[in-house]
Amino acid sequence: MQNFMDETFLLETECAKTLYRDYARPMPILDYHCHIHPKDIALNRRFANITELWLSGDHYKWRQMRANGVAEDYITGAAPDREKFQKWAETLEKLIGNPLYCWSHLELKRYFGYHGCLNGETAEEVWRLTCEKLKQPQMSAQGLIHQSRVTLLCTTDDPVDSLKWHIQIKNDDAFDTIVLPTFRPDKLLHAEAEDFADYIGELEIAAGIPILHLEDLKRAIQKRMRKFHEAGCRISDHGLYAMPYAPSSQEESDAIFQKALAGMLLTRKEAEQYKTDLLLFLGREYHRMGWAMQLHYGCRRNNCTSLYQTLGADAGFDCISNETATGPLIDFLNALFATGELPKTIVYSLNPNDNAAIDTAIGCFQNTEAAGALQHGSAWWFNDHKAGMLEHLTSLANLGVLGNFIGMLTDSRSFLSYTRHEYFRRILCNLIGGWVERGEYPNDAKALRQIIEGICYRNAVSYFGFDG
């Protein structure tokens, strides 16, 4: 029997062990999509205890604690941090087969040197160990990033953001990781939201442009994009409930915008027409500026309305949506491709049933802007577990060019989540190592090194073209 999470964890063949040891493990990390707040990096935040570092804001853990019957006071409420940690430890020991079990223990091993198993009985020793360790200088926000060998990371930022924290980080000569903003205009797209008009008011102030018509909005967006570009931004991101495609004339789109600006309720068709018009405009702008575009869809959000009203968004009440997006996605990509204005695009669906559809759809629109100009983004959120990663990687390999894949991201708010890259890299090496062991790919060290190092790091460097 193999020891629990030893050095050969997830590596089932000799080839897999070699690939991970020699090629994957030495690679640094480029985290091109995360939700870490740049303020925490700029101020080099320190954490009082493991609860503050581990459980605060982590809806992955919150969901499982609720499923274990833990009262909300110990999750998002006012219970003492030590008691919250105890409830998490008691939950964790039941999470056999859940990636949180592996991630949590990888984090305890790599950052705290703890090689035991966290459970209700060991919670006190882990609490004391981690509290003592967190006092050390290298356990600050910047120190944790440095320990993780992160060369560059991209935060997720609203178009109205001042980007002052990014500027402060850039001017910090003592911190050598590059931290860049990502343009995330979700609030601009959701014209059906109750606070849409208020948000447009915020954009007016940020851009210094009165916004009365749709063309005014687009000019304001262009101005903010230039500001982001100056700060090093080279990626946009879109969190969509579903991929829209409902073309309309400029006159129709402007009328819909006027209606939303006046606080009037939009029909579903009108909302989709507005989103389509704005997404096409944004896609063309991204192409013009040399940015990559990320499209995240397939999520049904805020399903428990009573707790959403109490706790707000991103509190663990989202799930996979089964709304088909393949047709609208293809129509959207085709519209931009037809005019030569399709930017480098990364497509993610939260529904794993969309894997093959995405892999075949992106193959219709590849171009010479980059190797793998259109990407199937890594297994995301409810899919970033062993089975989900294997399903994603296998589908991409079967139907596309796995060797051009730009690899893993954290998609996290935690400074300890970089062990997810290790988890991914072990799964990747085991998959490829298995193909080699079974004679499905030659044991060609040069080719295998290029593939593994590319997926783990080098492909992303080349794809995004970050210049710091």
Protein backbone atom coordinates (compact mmCIF):
# COMPACT_ATOMS: atom_id res chain seq x y z
CA MET A 1 0.00 0.00 0.00
CA GLN A 2 1.30 3.44 -0.93
CA ASN A 3 1.87 5.91 1.89
CA PHE A 4 -0.55 8.82 2.17
CA MET A 5 0.40 11.62 -0.22
CA ASP A 6 4.08 10.71 -0.42
CA GLU A 7 6.47 11.91 -3.12
CA THR A 8 4.86 9.57 -5.66
CA PHE A 9 1.34 10.86 -4.92
CA LEU A 10 -0.85 10.51 -8.07
CA LEU A 11 2.12 9.16 -10.06
CA GLU A 12 1.40 5.55 -10.97
CA THR A 13 4.20 4.68 -13.42
CA GLU A 14 7.95 5.15 -13.58
CA CYS A 15 7.55 7.39 -16.62
CA ALA A 16 5.06 9.59 -14.76
CA LYS A 17 7.47 9.91 -11.82
CA THR A 18 10.29 10.93 -14.16
CA LEU A 19 8.16 13.45 -16.05
CA TYR A 20 7.05 15.10 -12.83
CA ARG A 21 10.47 15.06 -11.11
CA ASP A 22 12.54 16.23 -14.08
CA TYR A 23 10.20 18.48 -16.05
CA ALA A 24 7.04 19.53 -14.20
CA ARG A 25 8.20 20.14 -10.64
CA PRO A 26 11.08 22.53 -11.55
CA MET A 27 8.81 24.84 -13.52
CA PRO A 28 7.77 28.15 -11.88
CA ILE A 29 4.14 29.29 -11.88
CA LEU A 30 2.38 31.80 -14.09
CA ASP A 31 -1.05 32.29 -12.52
CA TYR A 32 -3.01 34.03 -15.25
CA HIS A 33 -6.38 33.96 -13.45
CA CYS A 34 -6.93 34.43 -9.73
CA HIS A 35 -9.14 36.42 -7.35
CA ILE A 36 -6.49 37.55 -4.87
CA HIS A 37 -7.00 41.18 -3.92
CA PRO A 38 -4.06 43.32 -5.06
CA LYS A 39 -4.37 45.38 -1.87
CA ASP A 40 -3.30 42.36 0.17
CA ILE A 41 -0.20 42.00 -2.00
CA ALA A 42 0.62 45.70 -2.01
CA LEU A 43 0.38 45.95 1.78
CA ASN A 44 2.09 42.56 2.22
CA ARG A 45 -0.75 41.38 4.43
CA ARG A 46 -0.02 39.13 7.39
CA PHE A 47 -2.46 36.59 8.79
CA ALA A 48 -3.24 36.11 12.45
CA ASN A 49 -4.12 32.43 12.16
CA ILE A 50 -4.95 29.61 9.77
CA THR A 51 -8.66 30.41 9.82
CA GLU A 52 -8.03 33.91 8.54
CA LEU A 53 -5.73 32.58 5.84
CA TRP A 54 -7.66 29.42 4.97
CA LEU A 55 -11.37 29.83 5.61
CA SER A 56 -12.06 33.51 5.11
CA GLY A 57 -13.78 33.91 1.75
CA ASP A 58 -13.31 30.27 0.67
CA HIS A 59 -16.74 29.18 -0.54
CA TYR A 60 -15.33 25.80 -1.58
CA LYS A 61 -14.83 24.97 2.10
CA TRP A 62 -18.03 26.70 3.19
CA ARG A 63 -20.15 24.45 0.97
CA GLN A 64 -18.72 21.29 2.51
CA MET A 65 -19.09 22.59 6.05
CA ARG A 66 -22.77 23.26 5.40
CA ALA A 67 -23.10 19.78 3.92
CA ASN A 68 -21.62 18.46 7.17
CA GLY A 69 -24.35 20.16 9.19
CA VAL A 70 -22.17 22.97 10.53
CA ALA A 71 -24.09 26.05 11.68
CA GLU A 72 -23.52 29.22 9.67
CA ASP A 73 -22.07 30.97 12.72
CA TYR A 74 -19.00 28.70 12.38
CA ILE A 75 -18.76 29.34 8.63
CA THR A 76 -19.40 33.00 7.86
CA GLY A 77 -20.62 34.10 11.29
CA ALA A 78 -19.07 35.50 14.46
CA ALA A 79 -17.81 32.29 16.08
CA PRO A 80 -14.17 32.47 17.28
CA ASP A 81 -11.56 31.55 14.66
CA ARG A 82 -10.33 28.55 16.67
CA GLU A 83 -13.84 27.09 16.76
CA LYS A 84 -14.32 27.68 13.03
CA PHE A 85 -11.10 25.82 12.36
CA GLN A 86 -12.25 22.94 14.53
CA LYS A 87 -15.47 22.62 12.53
CA TRP A 88 -13.47 22.62 9.29
CA ALA A 89 -11.08 19.94 10.62
CA GLU A 90 -14.05 17.76 11.59
CA THR A 91 -15.52 18.24 8.13
CA LEU A 92 -12.26 17.60 6.30
CA GLU A 93 -11.78 14.09 7.65
CA LYS A 94 -15.02 13.07 5.92
CA LEU A 95 -14.03 14.45 2.50
CA ILE A 96 -12.58 11.27 1.03
CA GLY A 97 -12.42 11.68 -2.76
CA ASN A 98 -12.87 15.46 -2.59
CA PRO A 99 -10.00 17.60 -3.95
CA LEU A 100 -10.20 19.77 -0.84
CA TYR A 101 -8.76 16.88 1.14
CA CYS A 102 -5.69 16.68 -1.07
CA TRP A 103 -5.33 20.44 -1.48
CA SER A 104 -5.56 21.07 2.27
CA HIS A 105 -2.89 18.50 3.08
CA LEU A 106 -0.62 19.70 0.27
CA GLU A 107 -0.87 23.20 1.71
CA LEU A 108 -0.08 21.97 5.23
CA LYS A 109 2.93 20.03 3.89
CA ARG A 110 4.38 22.67 1.60
CA TYR A 111 3.86 25.81 3.69
CA PHE A 112 3.77 24.54 7.28
CA GLY A 113 5.83 21.36 7.17
CA TYR A 114 2.98 19.30 8.64
CA HIS A 115 2.95 15.70 7.37
CA GLY A 116 0.14 14.29 9.48
CA CYS A 117 -3.60 14.17 8.83
CA LEU A 118 -5.84 17.03 9.88
CA ASN A 119 -9.01 15.91 11.66
CA GLY A 120 -11.01 16.74 14.76
CA GLU A 121 -8.45 15.15 17.07
CA THR A 122 -5.36 16.75 15.50
CA ALA A 123 -6.92 20.20 15.04
CA GLU A 124 -5.30 21.62 18.17
CA GLU A 125 -1.75 20.61 17.22
CA VAL A 126 -2.24 21.93 13.68
CA TRP A 127 -3.71 25.16 15.03
CA ARG A 128 -0.70 25.74 17.30
CA LEU A 129 1.82 24.79 14.60
CA THR A 130 0.28 27.08 11.99
CA CYS A 131 -0.18 30.01 14.37
CA GLU A 132 3.51 29.81 15.29
CA LYS A 133 4.61 29.41 11.67
CA LEU A 134 2.52 32.39 10.52
CA LYS A 135 4.66 34.64 12.71
CA GLN A 136 7.66 34.00 10.47
CA PRO A 137 8.60 36.71 7.92
CA GLN A 138 8.18 34.46 4.87
CA MET A 139 4.52 33.77 5.71
CA SER A 140 3.26 37.19 4.59
CA ALA A 141 1.25 37.61 1.38
CA GLN A 142 4.33 38.45 -0.66
CA GLY A 143 6.36 35.78 1.11
CA LEU A 144 3.85 33.06 0.25
CA ILE A 145 3.86 34.12 -3.40
CA HIS A 146 7.66 34.08 -3.41
CA GLN A 147 7.78 30.63 -1.77
CA SER A 148 5.41 29.35 -4.46
CA ARG A 149 7.81 30.51 -7.22
CA VAL A 150 5.16 32.62 -8.94
CA THR A 151 6.77 34.77 -11.61
CA LEU A 152 3.59 36.58 -12.65
CA LEU A 153 -0.03 36.64 -11.57
CA CYS A 154 -3.14 38.33 -12.90
CA THR A 155 -5.81 39.60 -10.53
CA THR A 156 -9.46 40.15 -11.51
CA ASP A 157 -10.44 43.80 -11.70
CA ASP A 158 -13.48 45.92 -12.46
CA PRO A 159 -13.21 48.55 -15.23
CA VAL A 160 -13.81 51.34 -12.69
CA ASP A 161 -10.91 50.23 -10.48
CA SER A 162 -8.27 52.91 -9.93
CA LEU A 163 -5.49 50.26 -10.18
CA LYS A 164 -3.63 52.09 -7.43
CA TRP A 165 -2.61 48.85 -5.72
CA HIS A 166 -1.12 47.52 -8.94
CA ILE A 167 0.89 50.72 -9.30
CA GLN A 168 2.11 50.40 -5.72
CA ILE A 169 3.16 46.77 -6.30
CA LYS A 170 5.00 47.70 -9.50
CA ASN A 171 6.96 50.36 -7.61
CA ASP A 172 7.93 47.93 -4.82
CA ASP A 173 11.53 47.02 -5.68
CA ALA A 174 11.65 44.42 -2.89
CA PHE A 175 8.98 42.26 -4.53
CA ASP A 176 9.91 40.67 -7.84
CA THR A 177 6.66 38.91 -8.87
CA ILE A 178 4.83 40.80 -11.61
CA VAL A 179 1.19 41.50 -10.68
CA LEU A 180 -1.07 42.63 -13.52
CA PRO A 181 -4.76 43.52 -13.70
CA THR A 182 -7.36 41.64 -15.72
CA PHE A 183 -10.23 43.57 -17.31
CA ARG A 184 -13.48 42.02 -15.95
CA PRO A 185 -16.48 44.01 -17.28
CA ASP A 186 -19.28 41.77 -15.94
CA LYS A 187 -21.27 44.66 -14.51
CA LEU A 188 -21.22 46.39 -17.90
CA LEU A 189 -22.80 43.35 -19.54
CA HIS A 190 -25.59 42.67 -17.06
CA ALA A 191 -27.94 45.46 -18.11
CA GLU A 192 -30.84 43.54 -16.54
CA ALA A 193 -29.36 44.02 -13.05
CA GLU A 194 -31.13 46.39 -10.66
CA ASP A 195 -27.97 48.40 -10.00
CA PHE A 196 -26.95 48.72 -13.66
CA ALA A 197 -27.70 52.47 -13.92
CA ASP A 198 -25.80 53.16 -10.69
CA TYR A 199 -22.81 51.28 -12.04
CA ILE A 200 -22.83 53.28 -15.28
CA GLY A 201 -22.64 56.35 -13.04
CA GLU A 202 -19.48 54.94 -11.48
CA LEU A 203 -18.03 54.37 -14.93
CA GLU A 204 -18.81 57.97 -15.91
CA ILE A 205 -16.70 59.17 -12.98
CA ALA A 206 -13.85 56.72 -13.65
CA ALA A 207 -13.69 57.53 -17.36
CA GLY A 208 -14.54 61.23 -17.06
CA ILE A 209 -17.13 60.90 -19.83
CA PRO A 210 -20.90 61.56 -19.65
CA ILE A 211 -22.67 58.35 -20.72
CA LEU A 212 -26.03 59.01 -22.35
CA HIS A 213 -25.93 56.64 -25.30
CA LEU A 214 -24.37 53.32 -26.19
CA GLU A 215 -21.61 55.00 -28.19
CA ASP A 216 -20.72 57.05 -25.08
CA LEU A 217 -20.47 53.80 -23.14
CA LYS A 218 -18.12 52.32 -25.71
CA ARG A 219 -15.89 55.40 -25.64
CA ALA A 220 -15.74 55.20 -21.85
CA ILE A 221 -14.80 51.51 -22.07
CA GLN A 222 -12.04 52.28 -24.55
CA LYS A 223 -10.65 54.92 -22.20
CA ARG A 224 -10.62 52.51 -19.27
CA MET A 225 -9.04 49.81 -21.42
CA ARG A 226 -6.19 52.16 -22.28
CA LYS A 227 -5.67 52.75 -18.56
CA PHE A 228 -5.57 49.00 -17.93
CA HIS A 229 -3.20 48.49 -20.87
CA GLU A 230 -0.81 51.07 -19.44
CA ALA A 231 -0.83 49.05 -16.19
CA GLY A 232 0.23 45.91 -18.09
CA CYS A 233 -3.16 44.30 -18.60
CA ARG A 234 -3.22 41.86 -21.51
CA ILE A 235 -6.23 39.72 -20.56
CA SER A 236 -9.96 40.26 -20.22
CA ASP A 237 -12.38 37.94 -18.47
CA HIS A 238 -16.13 37.49 -18.66
CA GLY A 239 -18.32 35.65 -16.19
CA LEU A 240 -21.48 34.81 -18.13
CA TYR A 241 -24.54 32.86 -17.01
CA ALA A 242 -24.77 31.56 -20.58
CA MET A 243 -23.11 32.48 -23.86
CA PRO A 244 -25.42 34.96 -25.65
CA TYR A 245 -25.77 35.56 -29.38
CA ALA A 246 -28.68 37.67 -30.54
CA PRO A 247 -27.52 40.29 -33.09
CA SER A 248 -29.32 43.61 -33.37
CA SER A 249 -28.89 46.92 -35.14
CA GLN A 250 -27.04 49.78 -33.45
CA GLU A 251 -30.34 51.60 -33.13
CA GLU A 252 -31.95 48.64 -31.38
CA SER A 253 -28.98 48.16 -29.08
CA ASP A 254 -28.93 51.83 -28.13
CA ALA A 255 -32.66 51.76 -27.38
CA ILE A 256 -32.13 48.76 -25.10
CA PHE A 257 -29.29 50.56 -23.36
CA GLN A 258 -31.48 53.64 -22.88
CA LYS A 259 -34.19 51.45 -21.40
CA ALA A 260 -31.78 49.85 -18.93
CA LEU A 261 -30.28 53.22 -18.03
CA ALA A 262 -33.77 54.43 -17.15
CA GLY A 263 -34.18 51.50 -14.75
CA MET A 264 -36.76 49.72 -16.87
CA LEU A 265 -37.03 45.94 -16.91
CA LEU A 266 -35.51 44.27 -19.97
CA THR A 267 -36.91 41.19 -21.65
CA ARG A 268 -34.60 38.20 -21.90
CA LYS A 269 -34.21 38.82 -25.63
CA GLU A 270 -33.33 42.48 -25.08
CA ALA A 271 -30.72 41.53 -22.46
CA GLU A 272 -29.17 39.03 -24.87
CA GLN A 273 -29.16 41.57 -27.71
CA TYR A 274 -27.38 44.12 -25.53
CA LYS A 275 -24.84 41.56 -24.31
CA THR A 276 -24.18 40.38 -27.86
CA ASP A 277 -23.58 43.89 -29.14
CA LEU A 278 -21.24 44.76 -26.28
CA LEU A 279 -19.34 41.45 -26.40
CA LEU A 280 -18.74 41.84 -30.13
CA PHE A 281 -17.47 45.38 -29.53
CA LEU A 282 -15.23 44.18 -26.71
CA GLY A 283 -13.91 41.28 -28.78
CA ARG A 284 -12.88 43.66 -31.55
CA GLU A 285 -11.19 45.97 -29.05
CA TYR A 286 -9.29 43.08 -27.48
CA HIS A 287 -8.06 42.04 -30.90
CA ARG A 288 -6.99 45.58 -31.71
CA MET A 289 -5.05 45.86 -28.44
CA GLY A 290 -3.54 42.38 -28.58
CA TRP A 291 -5.36 41.10 -25.49
CA ALA A 292 -6.59 37.59 -24.85
CA MET A 293 -10.30 37.12 -24.04
CA GLN A 294 -11.55 34.66 -21.43
CA LEU A 295 -15.16 33.46 -21.55
CA HIS A 296 -16.45 31.69 -18.44
CA TYR A 297 -19.99 30.34 -18.64
CA GLY A 298 -22.21 27.49 -17.51
CA CYS A 299 -22.86 28.62 -13.94
CA ARG A 300 -26.24 29.12 -12.30
CA ARG A 301 -25.59 31.54 -9.47
CA ASN A 302 -27.09 32.50 -6.09
CA ASN A 303 -29.59 29.66 -6.01
CA CYS A 304 -30.44 29.85 -2.30
CA THR A 305 -32.11 33.25 -2.38
CA SER A 306 -32.61 33.63 1.38
CA LEU A 307 -28.93 33.09 2.18
CA TYR A 308 -27.85 35.09 -0.88
CA GLN A 309 -29.81 38.03 0.49
CA THR A 310 -28.03 37.62 3.82
CA LEU A 311 -24.49 36.76 2.71
CA GLY A 312 -24.28 38.10 -0.86
CA ALA A 313 -22.61 36.59 -3.92
CA ASP A 314 -19.72 34.11 -3.95
CA ALA A 315 -20.78 32.51 -0.69
CA GLY A 316 -21.23 28.95 -1.95
CA PHE A 317 -24.71 28.92 -3.46
CA ASP A 318 -23.83 28.40 -7.12
CA CYS A 319 -24.06 25.26 -9.24
CA ILE A 320 -23.50 23.91 -12.74
CA SER A 321 -25.99 25.03 -15.37
CA ASN A 322 -27.12 22.70 -18.14
CA GLU A 323 -28.08 25.47 -20.56
CA THR A 324 -26.51 24.67 -23.92
CA ALA A 325 -24.12 27.36 -25.16
CA THR A 326 -22.42 25.70 -28.14
CA GLY A 327 -24.55 27.33 -30.84
CA PRO A 328 -24.23 30.89 -29.50
CA LEU A 329 -20.51 30.38 -28.86
CA ILE A 330 -19.90 29.29 -32.46
CA ASP A 331 -21.97 32.17 -33.85
CA PHE A 332 -20.07 34.66 -31.68
CA LEU A 333 -16.63 33.34 -32.66
CA ASN A 334 -17.67 33.18 -36.30
CA ALA A 335 -18.85 36.80 -36.35
CA LEU A 336 -15.44 38.01 -35.14
CA PHE A 337 -13.45 35.57 -37.27
CA ALA A 338 -15.30 36.66 -40.42
CA THR A 339 -13.94 40.20 -40.11
CA GLY A 340 -10.46 39.15 -38.96
CA GLU A 341 -11.12 40.52 -35.45
CA LEU A 342 -11.21 37.39 -33.30
CA PRO A 343 -8.75 37.82 -30.42
CA LYS A 344 -6.92 34.99 -28.72
CA THR A 345 -9.76 33.37 -26.80
CA ILE A 346 -9.96 30.98 -23.85
CA VAL A 347 -13.30 29.22 -23.39
CA TYR A 348 -14.40 27.63 -20.11
CA SER A 349 -17.69 25.92 -19.37
CA LEU A 350 -18.59 24.89 -15.85
CA ASN A 351 -20.54 22.00 -17.32
CA PRO A 352 -18.14 19.13 -18.16
CA ASN A 353 -20.66 17.85 -20.70
CA ASP A 354 -19.48 20.76 -22.88
CA ASN A 355 -15.87 19.54 -23.11
CA ALA A 356 -16.09 17.83 -26.51
CA ALA A 357 -18.28 20.59 -27.93
CA ILE A 358 -15.74 23.25 -26.93
CA ASP A 359 -12.80 21.22 -28.21
CA THR A 360 -14.41 20.79 -31.61
CA ALA A 361 -15.78 24.36 -31.78
CA ILE A 362 -12.43 26.06 -31.13
CA GLY A 363 -10.86 23.88 -33.83
CA CYS A 364 -13.02 25.69 -36.40
CA PHE A 365 -11.49 29.10 -35.70
CA GLN A 366 -7.77 28.60 -35.03
CA ASN A 367 -5.45 31.12 -36.66
CA THR A 368 -1.83 32.22 -36.80
CA GLU A 369 -1.97 34.73 -33.94
CA ALA A 370 -0.58 32.06 -31.60
CA ALA A 371 -0.12 28.31 -31.38
CA GLY A 372 -3.51 27.35 -30.02
CA ALA A 373 -4.95 30.83 -30.46
CA LEU A 374 -8.26 29.45 -29.24
CA GLN A 375 -7.92 27.52 -26.01
CA HIS A 376 -10.13 25.26 -23.95
CA GLY A 377 -9.51 26.70 -20.50
CA SER A 378 -8.47 24.43 -17.67
CA ALA A 379 -10.95 22.38 -15.64
CA TRP A 380 -12.66 25.05 -13.60
CA TRP A 381 -14.37 25.38 -10.20
CA PHE A 382 -16.53 22.28 -9.80
CA ASN A 383 -14.24 20.44 -12.23
CA ASP A 384 -10.75 21.10 -10.84
CA HIS A 385 -10.54 17.67 -9.22
CA LYS A 386 -8.74 14.58 -10.48
CA ALA A 387 -11.63 13.17 -12.54
CA GLY A 388 -12.50 16.62 -13.96
CA MET A 389 -8.92 17.37 -14.96
CA LEU A 390 -8.48 13.97 -16.56
CA GLU A 391 -11.73 14.36 -18.49
CA HIS A 392 -10.74 17.83 -19.70
CA LEU A 393 -7.18 16.87 -20.66
CA THR A 394 -8.25 13.68 -22.39
CA SER A 395 -10.93 15.44 -24.42
CA LEU A 396 -8.51 18.18 -25.45
CA ALA A 397 -5.89 15.59 -26.40
CA ASN A 398 -8.40 13.50 -28.37
CA LEU A 399 -9.87 16.41 -30.29
CA GLY A 400 -7.22 19.14 -30.30
CA VAL A 401 -3.53 19.83 -29.66
CA LEU A 402 -2.76 19.13 -26.01
CA GLY A 403 0.86 20.22 -26.48
CA ASN A 404 -0.30 23.83 -26.99
CA PHE A 405 -2.44 23.95 -23.82
CA ILE A 406 -1.65 26.94 -21.57
CA GLY A 407 -2.19 24.98 -18.39
CA MET A 408 -3.47 25.45 -14.88
CA LEU A 409 -4.64 28.51 -12.94
CA THR A 410 -5.67 28.93 -9.31
CA ASP A 411 -9.00 30.79 -9.75
CA SER A 412 -8.68 31.36 -6.01
CA ARG A 413 -8.77 34.00 -3.30
CA SER A 414 -6.20 32.16 -1.15
CA PHE A 415 -2.44 32.70 -1.02
CA LEU A 416 -2.00 28.97 -0.36
CA SER A 417 -3.77 27.78 -3.50
CA TYR A 418 -0.62 27.47 -5.58
CA THR A 419 -0.41 23.82 -4.55
CA ARG A 420 -3.26 23.34 -7.05
CA HIS A 421 -0.58 23.66 -9.72
CA GLU A 422 1.30 20.75 -8.14
CA TYR A 423 -1.90 18.71 -8.00
CA PHE A 424 -2.57 19.47 -11.69
CA ARG A 425 1.01 18.77 -12.76
CA ARG A 426 1.01 15.37 -11.06
CA ILE A 427 -2.25 14.44 -12.79
CA LEU A 428 -0.90 15.69 -16.13
CA CYS A 429 2.33 13.69 -15.80
CA ASN A 430 0.46 10.57 -14.77
CA LEU A 431 -1.83 10.82 -17.79
CA ILE A 432 0.99 11.36 -20.27
CA GLY A 433 3.23 8.87 -18.52
CA GLY A 434 0.52 6.25 -18.87
CA TRP A 435 0.30 6.84 -22.62
CA VAL A 436 4.06 6.40 -22.90
CA GLU A 437 4.12 3.27 -20.74
CA ARG A 438 1.40 1.69 -22.90
CA GLY A 439 3.25 2.51 -26.13
CA GLU A 440 0.76 5.15 -27.26
CA TYR A 441 3.49 7.83 -27.46
CA PRO A 442 7.27 7.31 -27.82
CA ASN A 443 9.55 7.61 -24.81
CA ASP A 444 11.21 10.63 -26.46
CA ALA A 445 12.75 12.73 -23.69
CA LYS A 446 13.12 15.86 -25.84
CA ALA A 447 9.51 15.81 -27.06
CA LEU A 448 8.10 14.95 -23.64
CA ARG A 449 10.09 17.71 -21.96
CA GLN A 450 8.78 20.26 -24.45
CA ILE A 451 5.19 19.15 -23.89
CA ILE A 452 5.35 19.01 -20.07
CA GLU A 453 7.30 22.24 -19.58
CA GLY A 454 5.09 23.94 -22.14
CA ILE A 455 1.81 23.01 -20.47
CA CYS A 456 3.15 23.75 -16.98
CA TYR A 457 4.59 27.18 -17.79
CA ARG A 458 6.17 28.06 -21.13
CA ASN A 459 3.03 27.97 -23.29
CA ALA A 460 1.32 30.58 -21.12
CA VAL A 461 4.39 32.86 -21.27
CA SER A 462 4.36 32.68 -25.06
CA TYR A 463 0.57 32.86 -25.45
CA PHE A 464 -0.07 36.00 -23.41
CA GLY A 465 3.06 37.88 -24.41
CA PHE A 466 3.37 39.66 -21.09
CA ASP A 467 6.00 42.34 -21.19
CA GLY A 468 5.87 43.40 -17.55
